[in-house]
Protein backbone atom coordinates (compact mmCIF):
# COMPACT_ATOMS: atom_id res chain seq x y z
CA MET A 1 -21.85 16.61 8.55
CA THR A 2 -18.85 14.37 9.07
CA ASP A 3 -15.34 15.70 8.78
CA LYS A 4 -13.15 13.46 6.61
CA ARG A 5 -9.49 13.38 7.46
CA LYS A 6 -7.02 13.16 4.62
CA ALA A 7 -3.35 12.40 4.94
CA THR A 8 -1.02 15.16 3.85
CA LEU A 9 1.61 13.47 1.72
CA PHE A 10 4.88 14.69 0.28
CA PRO A 11 5.17 14.51 -3.52
CA LYS A 12 7.59 11.57 -3.24
CA HIS A 13 5.01 9.58 -1.27
CA GLU A 14 2.22 10.54 -3.67
CA LYS A 15 4.35 9.13 -6.51
CA GLN A 16 4.92 5.92 -4.57
CA LEU A 17 1.19 5.50 -3.96
CA ALA A 18 0.50 6.26 -7.61
CA GLN A 19 2.95 3.49 -8.52
CA LEU A 20 1.17 1.13 -6.11
CA GLY A 21 -2.14 2.01 -7.75
CA GLU A 22 -0.71 1.36 -11.20
CA ASN A 23 0.72 -1.98 -10.04
CA ILE A 24 -2.68 -2.99 -8.65
CA ARG A 25 -4.43 -1.91 -11.85
CA LEU A 26 -2.00 -3.92 -14.00
CA ALA A 27 -2.32 -6.98 -11.74
CA ALA A 28 -6.11 -6.86 -12.16
CA LYS A 29 -5.77 -6.57 -15.93
CA ARG A 30 -3.36 -9.51 -16.05
CA ARG A 31 -5.95 -11.57 -14.18
CA LYS A 32 -8.68 -10.27 -16.50
CA LEU A 33 -10.69 -8.99 -13.51
CA THR A 34 -13.05 -6.09 -14.09
CA GLN A 35 -13.82 -3.36 -11.57
CA THR A 36 -17.28 -4.86 -11.25
CA GLN A 37 -15.85 -8.26 -10.31
CA ILE A 38 -13.40 -6.72 -7.82
CA SER A 39 -16.22 -4.60 -6.39
CA GLU A 40 -18.41 -7.66 -5.92
CA ARG A 41 -15.61 -9.65 -4.29
CA THR A 42 -14.42 -6.88 -1.96
CA GLY A 43 -17.67 -5.07 -1.25
CA LEU A 44 -15.98 -1.80 -2.22
CA SER A 45 -17.65 0.78 -4.43
CA LYS A 46 -16.36 1.49 -7.91
CA PRO A 47 -15.37 5.08 -6.95
CA THR A 48 -13.22 3.64 -4.13
CA LEU A 49 -11.65 1.17 -6.56
CA ARG A 50 -10.86 4.02 -8.96
CA LYS A 51 -9.16 5.85 -6.09
CA ILE A 52 -7.09 2.73 -5.37
CA ASP A 53 -6.14 2.53 -9.05
CA ARG A 54 -4.88 6.11 -8.77
CA GLY A 55 -3.06 5.42 -5.50
CA ASP A 56 -5.21 7.87 -3.56
CA GLY A 57 -3.91 8.45 -0.03
CA SER A 58 -7.40 8.97 1.36
CA VAL A 59 -8.26 5.28 0.94
CA SER A 60 -7.63 3.15 4.02
CA ILE A 61 -4.89 0.56 3.96
CA GLY A 62 -7.57 -2.00 4.78
CA HIS A 63 -9.30 -1.29 1.48
CA TYR A 64 -6.01 -1.68 -0.38
CA MET A 65 -5.60 -4.99 1.47
CA LEU A 66 -9.03 -6.22 0.33
CA VAL A 67 -8.12 -5.58 -3.30
CA LEU A 68 -4.68 -7.17 -2.91
CA SER A 69 -6.36 -10.20 -1.38
CA VAL A 70 -8.70 -10.61 -4.37
CA LEU A 71 -5.64 -10.39 -6.63
CA GLY A 72 -3.80 -13.01 -4.58
CA LEU A 73 -1.18 -10.47 -3.54
CA SER A 74 -2.01 -9.86 0.13
CA ALA A 75 1.12 -11.73 1.25
CA ASP A 76 3.16 -8.95 -0.35
CA MET A 77 2.08 -6.68 2.52
CA THR A 78 4.14 -8.76 4.93
CA LYS A 79 7.24 -7.78 2.95
CA VAL A 80 6.84 -4.13 3.86
CA ALA A 81 9.61 -3.19 6.30
CA ALA A 82 10.67 -6.84 6.61
CA ASP A 83 14.23 -5.93 5.66
CA ASP A 84 14.77 -2.84 7.82
CA GLU A 85 18.29 -1.93 6.75
CA LEU A 86 18.25 1.52 8.38
CA GLY A 87 16.86 0.12 11.64
CA ARG A 88 19.62 -2.50 11.78
CA LYS A 89 22.30 0.12 11.15
CA LEU A 90 20.92 2.34 13.91
CA GLN A 91 20.78 -0.64 16.25
CA ASP A 92 24.38 -1.59 15.39
CA ILE A 93 25.57 1.96 16.09
CA GLU A 94 23.88 1.85 19.49
CA LEU A 95 25.39 -1.56 20.26
CA LEU A 96 28.87 -0.37 19.31
CA LYS A 97 28.77 2.81 21.41
CA GLY A 98 31.49 2.72 24.01
CA LYS A 99 32.90 -0.57 22.80
CA ALA A 100 36.28 -0.78 21.16
CA LEU A 101 36.68 -3.22 18.31
């Protein structure tokens, strides 16, 4: 028997994944793609696609990527963390330590 690992997510993150799932579901509907068509094009099972539609955290990011690719939205993944405002602020604080302005 294999032991499946599942990410433990905070409610805030579960809501964000649920929103992602809803966005994916709406994008598929706008393109008039059925679950069967997406399943055939990605090789993913319909139960996995239903989990993606719900924003299930147990589905690998690679599977989300396959679906986004079929929808023509895979380039959106490159936008994640592209504008790292907090990281820049932390870097600026470090750069300014010990230096008078």
